[in-house]
């Protein structure tokens, strides 16, 4: 899926034509300096709050068709979190990885010192998580592994402020609506009492998920 999104973005960039007398900047690079993300569901061990901060969360490249329309491609820095919580002779270990890519269209309102814009992105989401719990006098362990992936739409609203020539700062907010597929593996075993062992269980589930990222602070350069 990653290769497909990259190919589509390159095709958009190569196919877009421009008039010879246009004097606006045709390219833009923006960096998300601070992003407030909604925490993943069922990851309470690693994400103790409903939202968490991600510094330098993403980079976006935009290619302008004209002053009001642009194609955009966004790469989000992978999220990696892990934790180990030994409680005397008991362990609770968790790990979570997440990756997001987006490609979409942006409409920019009349160019002024302050410029609002709207965007819609096609988003690809992928995550992997695991949790291992166990120990004690029975040395009984339970492990849950989950792989989630899917595609969705991310409507976005934002605003730019021109601070110097082709340098801008901005705020952006988006809601991602995903159609996700989850593949989960459940296992239980004991290092001392094998009669407590259970066969490995595998489950597959599909669902729609809504992820709201309320605010992101960006720095942008046009060229």
N, C-alpha and C. Protein backbone atom coordinates (compact mmCIF):
# COMPACT_ATOMS: atom_id res chain seq x y z
N UNK A 1 0.83 -1.21 0.00
CA UNK A 1 0.00 0.00 0.00
C UNK A 1 0.86 1.26 0.00
N UNK A 2 1.99 1.20 0.71
CA UNK A 2 2.89 2.33 0.75
C UNK A 2 3.39 2.69 -0.65
N UNK A 3 3.76 1.66 -1.43
CA UNK A 3 4.26 1.90 -2.78
C UNK A 3 3.18 2.49 -3.68
N UNK A 4 1.94 2.04 -3.49
CA UNK A 4 0.83 2.57 -4.30
C UNK A 4 0.63 4.05 -4.04
N UNK A 5 0.65 4.46 -2.76
CA UNK A 5 0.46 5.87 -2.42
C UNK A 5 1.59 6.73 -2.97
N UNK A 6 2.84 6.22 -2.88
CA UNK A 6 3.96 6.97 -3.42
C UNK A 6 3.85 7.13 -4.93
N UNK A 7 3.41 6.05 -5.61
CA UNK A 7 3.27 6.11 -7.07
C UNK A 7 2.20 7.11 -7.48
N UNK A 8 1.06 7.09 -6.77
CA UNK A 8 -0.02 8.02 -7.08
C UNK A 8 0.43 9.46 -6.90
N UNK A 9 1.16 9.72 -5.82
CA UNK A 9 1.61 11.10 -5.56
C UNK A 9 2.55 11.58 -6.65
N UNK A 10 3.44 10.71 -7.13
CA UNK A 10 4.37 11.10 -8.19
C UNK A 10 3.64 11.36 -9.50
N UNK A 11 2.62 10.56 -9.77
CA UNK A 11 1.84 10.77 -11.00
C UNK A 11 1.14 12.11 -10.97
N UNK A 12 0.56 12.46 -9.81
CA UNK A 12 -0.10 13.76 -9.68
C UNK A 12 0.87 14.90 -9.94
N UNK A 13 2.05 14.78 -9.37
CA UNK A 13 3.03 15.86 -9.50
C UNK A 13 3.49 16.01 -10.94
N UNK A 14 3.74 14.89 -11.61
CA UNK A 14 4.26 14.94 -12.97
C UNK A 14 3.22 15.37 -13.99
N UNK A 15 1.95 15.11 -13.72
CA UNK A 15 0.90 15.39 -14.69
C UNK A 15 0.36 16.81 -14.63
N UNK A 16 0.64 17.51 -13.53
CA UNK A 16 0.04 18.85 -13.36
C UNK A 16 0.80 19.86 -14.21
N UNK A 17 0.08 20.65 -14.99
CA UNK A 17 0.71 21.68 -15.83
C UNK A 17 0.44 23.07 -15.29
N UNK A 18 1.29 24.02 -15.69
CA UNK A 18 1.18 25.38 -15.22
C UNK A 18 1.35 26.33 -16.38
N UNK A 19 0.74 27.51 -16.28
CA UNK A 19 0.93 28.55 -17.28
C UNK A 19 2.29 29.19 -17.11
N UNK A 20 2.83 29.72 -18.22
CA UNK A 20 4.17 30.28 -18.19
C UNK A 20 4.26 31.61 -17.43
N UNK A 21 3.14 32.33 -17.34
CA UNK A 21 3.20 33.65 -16.73
C UNK A 21 2.78 33.66 -15.26
N UNK A 22 2.59 32.51 -14.65
CA UNK A 22 2.19 32.47 -13.25
C UNK A 22 3.36 32.89 -12.38
N UNK A 23 3.08 33.74 -11.38
CA UNK A 23 4.15 34.25 -10.51
C UNK A 23 4.03 33.72 -9.08
N UNK A 24 3.10 32.82 -8.82
CA UNK A 24 2.98 32.28 -7.48
C UNK A 24 3.96 31.11 -7.33
N UNK A 25 4.25 30.77 -6.09
CA UNK A 25 5.15 29.66 -5.80
C UNK A 25 4.42 28.34 -6.00
N UNK A 26 5.05 27.42 -6.70
CA UNK A 26 4.38 26.19 -7.09
C UNK A 26 4.59 25.04 -6.12
N UNK A 27 5.50 25.19 -5.17
CA UNK A 27 5.83 24.11 -4.25
C UNK A 27 5.79 24.61 -2.80
N UNK A 28 5.50 23.68 -1.91
CA UNK A 28 5.52 24.00 -0.48
C UNK A 28 5.94 22.78 0.32
N UNK A 29 6.79 23.02 1.29
CA UNK A 29 7.17 22.00 2.27
C UNK A 29 6.73 22.48 3.64
N UNK A 30 6.01 21.65 4.37
CA UNK A 30 5.61 22.02 5.73
C UNK A 30 6.02 20.92 6.70
N UNK A 31 6.34 21.33 7.92
CA UNK A 31 6.75 20.40 8.97
C UNK A 31 5.84 20.60 10.17
N UNK A 32 5.27 19.51 10.64
CA UNK A 32 4.44 19.56 11.85
C UNK A 32 5.32 19.58 13.09
N UNK A 33 5.49 20.76 13.68
CA UNK A 33 6.38 20.88 14.84
C UNK A 33 5.79 20.23 16.09
N UNK A 34 4.51 20.47 16.31
CA UNK A 34 3.81 19.89 17.47
C UNK A 34 2.45 19.40 17.02
N UNK A 35 2.15 18.14 17.31
CA UNK A 35 0.88 17.55 16.90
C UNK A 35 0.21 16.92 18.12
N UNK A 36 -1.07 17.22 18.31
CA UNK A 36 -1.84 16.58 19.38
C UNK A 36 -2.63 15.44 18.76
N UNK A 37 -2.28 14.20 19.13
CA UNK A 37 -2.89 13.01 18.55
C UNK A 37 -3.86 12.36 19.53
N UNK A 38 -4.91 11.77 18.98
CA UNK A 38 -5.79 10.96 19.82
C UNK A 38 -5.14 9.62 20.09
N UNK A 39 -5.18 9.16 21.33
CA UNK A 39 -4.51 7.92 21.70
C UNK A 39 -5.21 6.71 21.09
N UNK A 40 -4.44 5.67 20.72
CA UNK A 40 -5.04 4.45 20.17
C UNK A 40 -5.93 3.77 21.21
N UNK A 41 -6.97 3.12 20.73
CA UNK A 41 -7.85 2.39 21.64
C UNK A 41 -7.16 1.13 22.14
N UNK A 42 -7.51 0.70 23.34
CA UNK A 42 -6.99 -0.52 23.95
C UNK A 42 -5.48 -0.48 24.17
N UNK A 43 -4.94 0.72 24.37
CA UNK A 43 -3.51 0.87 24.64
C UNK A 43 -3.30 1.68 25.91
N UNK A 44 -4.09 1.38 26.95
CA UNK A 44 -4.05 2.17 28.17
C UNK A 44 -2.70 2.08 28.88
N UNK A 45 -2.00 0.96 28.72
CA UNK A 45 -0.71 0.81 29.40
C UNK A 45 0.32 1.80 28.88
N UNK A 46 0.23 2.15 27.60
CA UNK A 46 1.23 3.03 26.99
C UNK A 46 0.74 4.46 26.81
N UNK A 47 -0.57 4.64 26.63
CA UNK A 47 -1.15 5.97 26.42
C UNK A 47 -2.14 6.23 27.55
N UNK A 48 -1.66 6.87 28.60
CA UNK A 48 -2.47 7.04 29.81
C UNK A 48 -3.53 8.11 29.66
N UNK A 49 -3.39 9.00 28.65
CA UNK A 49 -4.35 10.07 28.44
C UNK A 49 -5.06 9.90 27.10
N UNK A 50 -6.17 10.58 26.92
CA UNK A 50 -6.94 10.49 25.69
C UNK A 50 -6.17 11.07 24.50
N UNK A 51 -5.31 12.06 24.77
CA UNK A 51 -4.51 12.68 23.71
C UNK A 51 -3.06 12.78 24.17
N UNK A 52 -2.14 12.79 23.22
CA UNK A 52 -0.72 12.89 23.55
C UNK A 52 -0.02 13.76 22.51
N UNK A 53 1.12 14.34 22.87
CA UNK A 53 1.86 15.24 22.00
C UNK A 53 2.93 14.48 21.22
N UNK A 54 3.07 14.86 19.93
CA UNK A 54 4.10 14.28 19.07
C UNK A 54 4.91 15.42 18.46
N UNK A 55 6.17 15.60 18.85
CA UNK A 55 7.00 16.64 18.22
C UNK A 55 7.50 16.19 16.86
N UNK A 56 7.62 17.14 15.93
CA UNK A 56 8.09 16.86 14.57
C UNK A 56 7.36 15.64 14.00
N UNK A 57 6.05 15.74 13.98
CA UNK A 57 5.21 14.57 13.68
C UNK A 57 5.15 14.21 12.21
N UNK A 58 5.27 15.19 11.30
CA UNK A 58 5.09 14.85 9.89
C UNK A 58 5.75 15.89 8.99
N UNK A 59 5.85 15.52 7.72
CA UNK A 59 6.31 16.44 6.69
C UNK A 59 5.36 16.32 5.50
N UNK A 60 4.96 17.46 4.94
CA UNK A 60 4.01 17.50 3.82
C UNK A 60 4.61 18.24 2.64
N UNK A 61 4.48 17.65 1.48
CA UNK A 61 4.86 18.32 0.23
C UNK A 61 3.60 18.66 -0.55
N UNK A 62 3.51 19.91 -1.03
CA UNK A 62 2.37 20.35 -1.83
C UNK A 62 2.84 20.85 -3.19
N UNK A 63 2.09 20.50 -4.21
CA UNK A 63 2.33 21.00 -5.57
C UNK A 63 1.08 21.76 -5.99
N UNK A 64 1.24 23.05 -6.27
CA UNK A 64 0.10 23.91 -6.55
C UNK A 64 -0.29 23.84 -8.03
N UNK A 65 -1.58 23.62 -8.27
CA UNK A 65 -2.13 23.68 -9.62
C UNK A 65 -2.30 25.13 -10.04
N UNK A 66 -2.79 25.93 -9.12
CA UNK A 66 -2.88 27.39 -9.26
C UNK A 66 -2.87 27.97 -7.86
N UNK A 67 -3.19 29.24 -7.71
CA UNK A 67 -3.08 29.87 -6.40
C UNK A 67 -4.04 29.30 -5.36
N UNK A 68 -5.11 28.64 -5.81
CA UNK A 68 -6.13 28.18 -4.87
C UNK A 68 -6.22 26.67 -4.74
N UNK A 69 -5.49 25.92 -5.56
CA UNK A 69 -5.63 24.47 -5.55
C UNK A 69 -4.27 23.79 -5.52
N UNK A 70 -4.18 22.73 -4.72
CA UNK A 70 -2.91 22.02 -4.58
C UNK A 70 -3.14 20.54 -4.31
N UNK A 71 -2.17 19.73 -4.74
CA UNK A 71 -2.12 18.33 -4.39
C UNK A 71 -1.10 18.17 -3.26
N UNK A 72 -1.41 17.36 -2.25
CA UNK A 72 -0.54 17.24 -1.08
C UNK A 72 -0.26 15.78 -0.73
N UNK A 73 0.95 15.54 -0.28
CA UNK A 73 1.36 14.22 0.18
C UNK A 73 2.02 14.37 1.55
N UNK A 74 1.56 13.58 2.55
CA UNK A 74 2.04 13.71 3.91
C UNK A 74 2.61 12.39 4.43
N UNK A 75 3.82 12.48 4.97
CA UNK A 75 4.46 11.33 5.61
C UNK A 75 4.52 11.60 7.11
N UNK A 76 3.95 10.69 7.92
CA UNK A 76 3.96 10.83 9.36
C UNK A 76 5.07 9.99 9.97
N UNK A 77 5.81 10.61 10.87
CA UNK A 77 6.87 9.89 11.56
C UNK A 77 6.27 8.71 12.32
N UNK A 78 6.88 7.51 12.21
CA UNK A 78 6.32 6.34 12.91
C UNK A 78 6.25 6.56 14.42
N UNK A 79 5.16 6.09 15.01
CA UNK A 79 5.01 6.11 16.46
C UNK A 79 5.48 4.77 17.01
N UNK A 80 6.42 4.80 17.94
CA UNK A 80 6.92 3.58 18.58
C UNK A 80 6.91 3.78 20.09
N UNK A 81 6.15 2.94 20.80
CA UNK A 81 6.11 3.02 22.25
C UNK A 81 6.21 1.62 22.84
N UNK A 82 6.98 1.52 23.90
CA UNK A 82 7.08 0.24 24.60
C UNK A 82 7.25 0.51 26.09
N UNK A 83 6.88 -0.48 26.88
CA UNK A 83 6.97 -0.31 28.32
C UNK A 83 7.05 -1.67 29.00
N UNK A 84 7.78 -1.72 30.08
CA UNK A 84 7.87 -2.95 30.87
C UNK A 84 7.60 -2.59 32.31
N UNK A 85 6.60 -3.24 32.90
CA UNK A 85 6.22 -2.93 34.28
C UNK A 85 6.31 -4.18 35.15
N UNK A 86 7.51 -4.47 35.66
CA UNK A 86 7.60 -5.61 36.58
C UNK A 86 7.04 -5.26 37.95
N UNK A 87 6.11 -6.06 38.44
CA UNK A 87 5.54 -5.86 39.77
C UNK A 87 5.90 -7.08 40.61
N UNK A 88 6.95 -6.95 41.45
CA UNK A 88 7.55 -8.06 42.19
C UNK A 88 7.85 -9.19 41.21
N UNK A 89 7.12 -10.28 41.25
CA UNK A 89 7.38 -11.39 40.34
C UNK A 89 6.33 -11.45 39.21
N UNK A 90 5.72 -10.31 38.91
CA UNK A 90 4.67 -10.24 37.88
C UNK A 90 5.08 -9.22 36.82
N UNK A 91 4.81 -9.52 35.56
CA UNK A 91 5.22 -8.63 34.48
C UNK A 91 4.02 -8.22 33.63
N UNK A 92 4.08 -7.00 33.12
CA UNK A 92 3.08 -6.48 32.20
C UNK A 92 3.82 -5.66 31.15
N UNK A 93 4.12 -6.26 30.02
CA UNK A 93 4.94 -5.63 28.99
C UNK A 93 4.08 -5.31 27.76
N UNK A 94 4.21 -4.08 27.26
CA UNK A 94 3.41 -3.66 26.12
C UNK A 94 4.29 -2.98 25.07
N UNK A 95 3.87 -3.08 23.81
CA UNK A 95 4.57 -2.44 22.71
C UNK A 95 3.56 -2.03 21.65
N UNK A 96 3.79 -0.85 21.05
CA UNK A 96 2.87 -0.34 20.04
C UNK A 96 3.66 0.39 18.96
N UNK A 97 3.31 0.12 17.67
CA UNK A 97 3.92 0.80 16.52
C UNK A 97 2.81 1.26 15.59
N UNK A 98 2.98 2.46 15.03
CA UNK A 98 1.95 3.03 14.15
C UNK A 98 2.59 3.79 13.00
N UNK A 99 1.98 3.68 11.81
CA UNK A 99 2.48 4.40 10.64
C UNK A 99 1.28 4.90 9.83
N UNK A 100 1.37 6.17 9.35
CA UNK A 100 0.29 6.79 8.58
C UNK A 100 0.88 7.52 7.38
N UNK A 101 0.22 7.36 6.22
CA UNK A 101 0.54 8.12 5.01
C UNK A 101 -0.74 8.75 4.49
N UNK A 102 -0.62 9.93 3.87
CA UNK A 102 -1.79 10.59 3.32
C UNK A 102 -1.47 11.24 1.98
N UNK A 103 -2.46 11.23 1.07
CA UNK A 103 -2.36 11.97 -0.18
C UNK A 103 -3.71 12.58 -0.45
N UNK A 104 -3.74 13.85 -0.87
CA UNK A 104 -5.04 14.48 -1.04
C UNK A 104 -5.00 15.80 -1.79
N UNK A 105 -6.11 16.52 -1.64
CA UNK A 105 -6.34 17.79 -2.35
C UNK A 105 -6.58 18.89 -1.33
N UNK A 106 -6.09 20.10 -1.65
CA UNK A 106 -6.25 21.24 -0.75
C UNK A 106 -6.78 22.45 -1.53
N UNK A 107 -7.75 23.12 -0.93
CA UNK A 107 -8.27 24.37 -1.50
C UNK A 107 -7.88 25.52 -0.58
N UNK A 108 -7.20 26.52 -1.14
CA UNK A 108 -6.74 27.67 -0.37
C UNK A 108 -7.62 28.87 -0.71
N UNK A 109 -8.14 29.56 0.29
CA UNK A 109 -8.96 30.73 0.06
C UNK A 109 -8.09 31.93 -0.34
N UNK A 110 -8.71 33.05 -0.60
CA UNK A 110 -8.01 34.21 -1.13
C UNK A 110 -6.74 34.50 -0.34
N UNK A 111 -5.63 34.66 -1.06
CA UNK A 111 -4.33 34.84 -0.43
C UNK A 111 -4.24 36.20 0.29
N UNK A 112 -4.06 36.14 1.60
CA UNK A 112 -3.89 37.33 2.42
C UNK A 112 -2.82 37.04 3.46
N UNK A 113 -2.65 37.97 4.38
CA UNK A 113 -1.72 37.74 5.48
C UNK A 113 -2.11 36.49 6.26
N UNK A 114 -3.42 36.37 6.48
CA UNK A 114 -3.97 35.18 7.12
C UNK A 114 -4.80 34.44 6.08
N UNK A 115 -4.50 33.16 5.84
CA UNK A 115 -5.13 32.41 4.76
C UNK A 115 -5.71 31.11 5.28
N UNK A 116 -7.03 30.95 5.28
CA UNK A 116 -7.63 29.66 5.65
C UNK A 116 -7.63 28.69 4.47
N UNK A 117 -7.72 27.41 4.76
CA UNK A 117 -7.78 26.41 3.70
C UNK A 117 -8.53 25.18 4.18
N UNK A 118 -9.02 24.39 3.21
CA UNK A 118 -9.68 23.12 3.46
C UNK A 118 -8.96 22.04 2.67
N UNK A 119 -8.96 20.81 3.19
CA UNK A 119 -8.30 19.71 2.49
C UNK A 119 -9.06 18.41 2.75
N UNK A 120 -8.87 17.47 1.84
CA UNK A 120 -9.38 16.12 2.02
C UNK A 120 -8.28 15.15 1.60
N UNK A 121 -7.93 14.24 2.48
CA UNK A 121 -6.84 13.30 2.23
C UNK A 121 -7.35 11.87 2.22
N UNK A 122 -6.76 11.04 1.36
CA UNK A 122 -6.90 9.59 1.46
C UNK A 122 -5.79 9.11 2.38
N UNK A 123 -6.16 8.42 3.44
CA UNK A 123 -5.20 8.05 4.48
C UNK A 123 -5.01 6.54 4.55
N UNK A 124 -3.76 6.13 4.74
CA UNK A 124 -3.44 4.72 4.97
C UNK A 124 -2.90 4.59 6.39
N UNK A 125 -3.48 3.66 7.15
CA UNK A 125 -3.13 3.47 8.56
C UNK A 125 -2.69 2.03 8.79
N UNK A 126 -1.62 1.88 9.58
CA UNK A 126 -1.14 0.54 9.94
C UNK A 126 -0.58 0.58 11.34
N UNK A 127 -0.93 -0.41 12.15
CA UNK A 127 -0.39 -0.48 13.51
C UNK A 127 -0.14 -1.93 13.91
N UNK A 128 0.82 -2.10 14.81
CA UNK A 128 1.13 -3.39 15.40
C UNK A 128 1.24 -3.20 16.91
N UNK A 129 0.65 -4.12 17.67
CA UNK A 129 0.73 -4.00 19.12
C UNK A 129 0.84 -5.39 19.74
N UNK A 130 1.42 -5.42 20.93
CA UNK A 130 1.51 -6.67 21.68
C UNK A 130 1.46 -6.35 23.17
N UNK A 131 0.95 -7.30 23.94
CA UNK A 131 0.92 -7.16 25.39
C UNK A 131 1.14 -8.54 26.02
N UNK A 132 2.14 -8.64 26.88
CA UNK A 132 2.48 -9.88 27.57
C UNK A 132 2.30 -9.67 29.06
N UNK A 133 1.42 -10.47 29.66
CA UNK A 133 1.12 -10.36 31.09
C UNK A 133 1.33 -11.73 31.72
N UNK A 134 1.98 -11.75 32.88
CA UNK A 134 2.10 -13.03 33.55
C UNK A 134 3.21 -13.08 34.57
N UNK A 135 3.38 -14.29 35.11
CA UNK A 135 4.38 -14.52 36.15
C UNK A 135 3.73 -15.17 37.35
N UNK A 136 4.13 -14.76 38.51
CA UNK A 136 3.57 -15.32 39.73
C UNK A 136 4.05 -16.74 39.99
N UNK A 137 3.44 -17.40 40.98
CA UNK A 137 3.92 -18.73 41.38
C UNK A 137 3.56 -19.79 40.35
N UNK A 138 2.58 -19.54 39.49
CA UNK A 138 2.24 -20.51 38.43
C UNK A 138 3.02 -20.25 37.15
N UNK A 139 3.71 -19.11 37.06
CA UNK A 139 4.43 -18.72 35.83
C UNK A 139 3.51 -18.78 34.62
N UNK A 140 2.27 -18.32 34.82
CA UNK A 140 1.28 -18.31 33.74
C UNK A 140 1.38 -17.00 32.97
N UNK A 141 1.48 -17.08 31.64
CA UNK A 141 1.61 -15.90 30.78
C UNK A 141 0.48 -15.87 29.76
N UNK A 142 0.00 -14.66 29.52
CA UNK A 142 -1.00 -14.43 28.46
C UNK A 142 -0.46 -13.35 27.54
N UNK A 143 -0.54 -13.59 26.22
CA UNK A 143 -0.03 -12.64 25.23
C UNK A 143 -1.09 -12.35 24.18
N UNK A 144 -1.22 -11.08 23.86
CA UNK A 144 -2.14 -10.63 22.82
C UNK A 144 -1.37 -9.84 21.78
N UNK A 145 -1.44 -10.25 20.52
CA UNK A 145 -0.80 -9.54 19.42
C UNK A 145 -1.87 -9.10 18.44
N UNK A 146 -1.74 -7.86 17.97
CA UNK A 146 -2.75 -7.29 17.08
C UNK A 146 -2.10 -6.56 15.92
N UNK A 147 -2.59 -6.80 14.71
CA UNK A 147 -2.16 -6.07 13.51
C UNK A 147 -3.39 -5.43 12.88
N UNK A 148 -3.35 -4.11 12.73
CA UNK A 148 -4.49 -3.35 12.21
C UNK A 148 -4.04 -2.56 10.99
N UNK A 149 -4.83 -2.57 9.94
CA UNK A 149 -4.52 -1.77 8.76
C UNK A 149 -5.82 -1.36 8.08
N UNK A 150 -5.76 -0.27 7.32
CA UNK A 150 -6.96 0.18 6.62
C UNK A 150 -6.76 1.51 5.92
N UNK A 151 -7.76 1.88 5.14
CA UNK A 151 -7.76 3.13 4.38
C UNK A 151 -8.95 3.97 4.82
N UNK A 152 -8.77 5.29 4.81
CA UNK A 152 -9.85 6.17 5.20
C UNK A 152 -9.74 7.53 4.57
N UNK A 153 -10.65 8.41 4.96
CA UNK A 153 -10.68 9.80 4.52
C UNK A 153 -10.43 10.72 5.70
N UNK A 154 -9.68 11.79 5.44
CA UNK A 154 -9.34 12.74 6.50
C UNK A 154 -9.68 14.16 6.07
N UNK A 155 -10.90 14.64 6.36
CA UNK A 155 -11.20 16.06 6.13
C UNK A 155 -10.39 16.92 7.08
N UNK A 156 -9.88 18.04 6.56
CA UNK A 156 -8.95 18.88 7.31
C UNK A 156 -9.29 20.35 7.14
N UNK A 157 -9.14 21.11 8.21
CA UNK A 157 -9.25 22.56 8.14
C UNK A 157 -7.97 23.15 8.70
N UNK A 158 -7.55 24.29 8.12
CA UNK A 158 -6.32 24.91 8.58
C UNK A 158 -6.27 26.39 8.29
N UNK A 159 -5.25 27.03 8.83
CA UNK A 159 -5.07 28.46 8.61
C UNK A 159 -3.56 28.76 8.60
N UNK A 160 -3.14 29.61 7.66
CA UNK A 160 -1.74 30.02 7.54
C UNK A 160 -1.58 31.49 7.92
N UNK A 161 -0.41 31.81 8.44
CA UNK A 161 -0.07 33.20 8.72
C UNK A 161 1.31 33.47 8.12
N UNK A 162 1.39 34.46 7.23
CA UNK A 162 2.64 34.80 6.55
C UNK A 162 3.51 35.66 7.47
N UNK A 163 4.65 35.11 7.90
CA UNK A 163 5.51 35.85 8.81
C UNK A 163 6.65 36.57 8.09
N UNK A 164 7.08 36.02 6.92
CA UNK A 164 8.16 36.69 6.18
C UNK A 164 8.26 36.08 4.78
N UNK A 165 7.96 36.89 3.76
CA UNK A 165 8.06 36.48 2.36
C UNK A 165 7.38 35.14 2.15
N UNK A 166 8.17 34.07 1.93
CA UNK A 166 7.60 32.76 1.61
C UNK A 166 7.61 31.81 2.81
N UNK A 167 7.70 32.37 4.02
CA UNK A 167 7.69 31.57 5.24
C UNK A 167 6.38 31.78 5.98
N UNK A 168 5.74 30.68 6.37
CA UNK A 168 4.44 30.73 7.02
C UNK A 168 4.47 29.86 8.28
N UNK A 169 3.59 30.20 9.21
CA UNK A 169 3.25 29.30 10.31
C UNK A 169 1.77 28.99 10.18
N UNK A 170 1.35 27.85 10.71
CA UNK A 170 -0.05 27.48 10.54
C UNK A 170 -0.56 26.57 11.64
N UNK A 171 -1.88 26.48 11.72
CA UNK A 171 -2.58 25.55 12.60
C UNK A 171 -3.49 24.69 11.75
N UNK A 172 -3.59 23.42 12.10
CA UNK A 172 -4.39 22.48 11.31
C UNK A 172 -5.09 21.49 12.23
N UNK A 173 -6.29 21.08 11.84
CA UNK A 173 -7.06 20.10 12.59
C UNK A 173 -7.70 19.13 11.61
N UNK A 174 -7.72 17.83 11.97
CA UNK A 174 -8.31 16.86 11.06
C UNK A 174 -9.04 15.74 11.80
N UNK A 175 -9.98 15.14 11.09
CA UNK A 175 -10.72 13.97 11.57
C UNK A 175 -10.54 12.86 10.55
N UNK A 176 -9.98 11.73 10.97
CA UNK A 176 -9.75 10.61 10.07
C UNK A 176 -10.80 9.53 10.31
N UNK A 177 -11.45 9.09 9.25
CA UNK A 177 -12.47 8.05 9.31
C UNK A 177 -11.93 6.84 8.57
N UNK A 178 -11.66 5.74 9.29
CA UNK A 178 -10.99 4.58 8.72
C UNK A 178 -11.92 3.36 8.66
N UNK A 179 -11.73 2.58 7.61
CA UNK A 179 -12.29 1.23 7.52
C UNK A 179 -11.14 0.27 7.81
N UNK A 180 -11.13 -0.32 9.01
CA UNK A 180 -9.98 -1.06 9.48
C UNK A 180 -10.24 -2.56 9.57
N UNK A 181 -9.17 -3.31 9.36
CA UNK A 181 -9.19 -4.76 9.55
C UNK A 181 -8.18 -5.10 10.63
N UNK A 182 -8.62 -5.86 11.63
CA UNK A 182 -7.75 -6.25 12.72
C UNK A 182 -7.57 -7.76 12.75
N UNK A 183 -6.33 -8.20 12.83
CA UNK A 183 -5.99 -9.61 12.98
C UNK A 183 -5.32 -9.79 14.34
N UNK A 184 -5.96 -10.57 15.20
CA UNK A 184 -5.50 -10.69 16.58
C UNK A 184 -5.14 -12.14 16.89
N UNK A 185 -4.06 -12.31 17.66
CA UNK A 185 -3.61 -13.63 18.11
C UNK A 185 -3.55 -13.64 19.63
N UNK A 186 -4.21 -14.65 20.24
CA UNK A 186 -4.26 -14.78 21.69
C UNK A 186 -3.62 -16.10 22.09
N UNK A 187 -2.73 -16.03 23.08
CA UNK A 187 -2.08 -17.26 23.54
C UNK A 187 -1.90 -17.23 25.05
N UNK A 188 -1.88 -18.43 25.65
CA UNK A 188 -1.69 -18.57 27.10
C UNK A 188 -0.89 -19.82 27.39
N UNK A 189 0.13 -19.69 28.26
CA UNK A 189 0.95 -20.85 28.60
C UNK A 189 1.54 -20.67 30.00
N UNK A 190 1.95 -21.80 30.58
CA UNK A 190 2.57 -21.78 31.90
C UNK A 190 3.90 -22.51 31.82
N UNK A 191 4.93 -21.92 32.44
CA UNK A 191 6.24 -22.55 32.45
C UNK A 191 6.35 -23.63 33.52
N UNK A 192 5.37 -23.67 34.44
CA UNK A 192 5.41 -24.65 35.53
C UNK A 192 4.27 -25.65 35.44
N UNK A 193 3.05 -25.17 35.10
CA UNK A 193 1.87 -26.02 35.05
C UNK A 193 1.35 -26.10 33.61
N UNK A 194 1.84 -27.06 32.82
CA UNK A 194 1.43 -27.16 31.42
C UNK A 194 -0.05 -27.41 31.23
N UNK A 195 -0.74 -27.91 32.27
CA UNK A 195 -2.19 -28.14 32.13
C UNK A 195 -2.96 -26.83 31.99
N UNK A 196 -2.31 -25.71 32.28
CA UNK A 196 -2.97 -24.41 32.11
C UNK A 196 -2.81 -23.86 30.69
N UNK A 197 -2.00 -24.52 29.87
CA UNK A 197 -1.79 -24.05 28.50
C UNK A 197 -3.08 -24.14 27.69
N UNK A 198 -3.26 -23.19 26.80
CA UNK A 198 -4.43 -23.17 25.92
C UNK A 198 -3.98 -23.05 24.47
N UNK A 199 -4.77 -23.59 23.54
CA UNK A 199 -4.42 -23.46 22.11
C UNK A 199 -4.42 -21.99 21.68
N UNK A 200 -3.56 -21.68 20.73
CA UNK A 200 -3.50 -20.32 20.20
C UNK A 200 -4.80 -20.00 19.48
N UNK A 201 -5.35 -18.84 19.77
CA UNK A 201 -6.59 -18.40 19.13
C UNK A 201 -6.30 -17.25 18.18
N UNK A 202 -6.95 -17.26 17.03
CA UNK A 202 -6.81 -16.18 16.06
C UNK A 202 -8.19 -15.61 15.74
N UNK A 203 -8.26 -14.28 15.74
CA UNK A 203 -9.52 -13.59 15.48
C UNK A 203 -9.30 -12.51 14.42
N UNK A 204 -10.31 -12.31 13.60
CA UNK A 204 -10.28 -11.25 12.59
C UNK A 204 -11.54 -10.41 12.73
N UNK A 205 -11.35 -9.10 12.71
CA UNK A 205 -12.49 -8.21 12.89
C UNK A 205 -12.34 -7.00 11.98
N UNK A 206 -13.48 -6.46 11.52
CA UNK A 206 -13.49 -5.25 10.71
C UNK A 206 -14.35 -4.20 11.41
N UNK A 207 -13.93 -2.95 11.30
CA UNK A 207 -14.67 -1.89 11.99
C UNK A 207 -14.36 -0.54 11.37
N UNK A 208 -15.23 0.43 11.64
CA UNK A 208 -14.99 1.83 11.29
C UNK A 208 -14.51 2.55 12.55
N UNK A 209 -13.43 3.28 12.41
CA UNK A 209 -12.88 4.01 13.54
C UNK A 209 -12.74 5.49 13.19
N UNK A 210 -12.94 6.34 14.19
CA UNK A 210 -12.81 7.79 14.04
C UNK A 210 -11.65 8.26 14.91
N UNK A 211 -10.69 8.94 14.31
CA UNK A 211 -9.54 9.46 15.04
C UNK A 211 -9.50 10.97 14.84
N UNK A 212 -9.64 11.71 15.93
CA UNK A 212 -9.67 13.17 15.87
C UNK A 212 -8.36 13.72 16.40
N UNK A 213 -7.64 14.44 15.55
CA UNK A 213 -6.42 15.13 15.96
C UNK A 213 -6.72 16.63 15.98
N UNK A 214 -6.95 17.19 17.17
CA UNK A 214 -7.54 18.53 17.27
C UNK A 214 -6.66 19.68 16.80
N UNK A 215 -5.33 19.56 16.95
CA UNK A 215 -4.50 20.72 16.62
C UNK A 215 -3.08 20.28 16.26
N UNK A 216 -2.54 20.93 15.25
CA UNK A 216 -1.15 20.72 14.87
C UNK A 216 -0.57 22.07 14.49
N UNK A 217 0.62 22.36 15.01
CA UNK A 217 1.33 23.61 14.71
C UNK A 217 2.39 23.32 13.66
N UNK A 218 2.38 24.10 12.53
CA UNK A 218 3.25 23.84 11.41
C UNK A 218 4.09 25.05 11.03
N UNK A 219 5.23 24.79 10.42
CA UNK A 219 6.04 25.79 9.76
C UNK A 219 6.12 25.41 8.28
N UNK A 220 5.91 26.40 7.37
CA UNK A 220 5.82 26.12 5.95
C UNK A 220 6.73 27.06 5.14
N UNK A 221 7.31 26.50 4.09
CA UNK A 221 8.15 27.28 3.17
C UNK A 221 7.69 27.03 1.75
N UNK A 222 7.41 28.10 1.01
CA UNK A 222 7.03 27.99 -0.39
C UNK A 222 8.23 28.33 -1.28
N UNK A 223 8.32 27.63 -2.42
CA UNK A 223 9.44 27.88 -3.32
C UNK A 223 9.05 27.53 -4.77
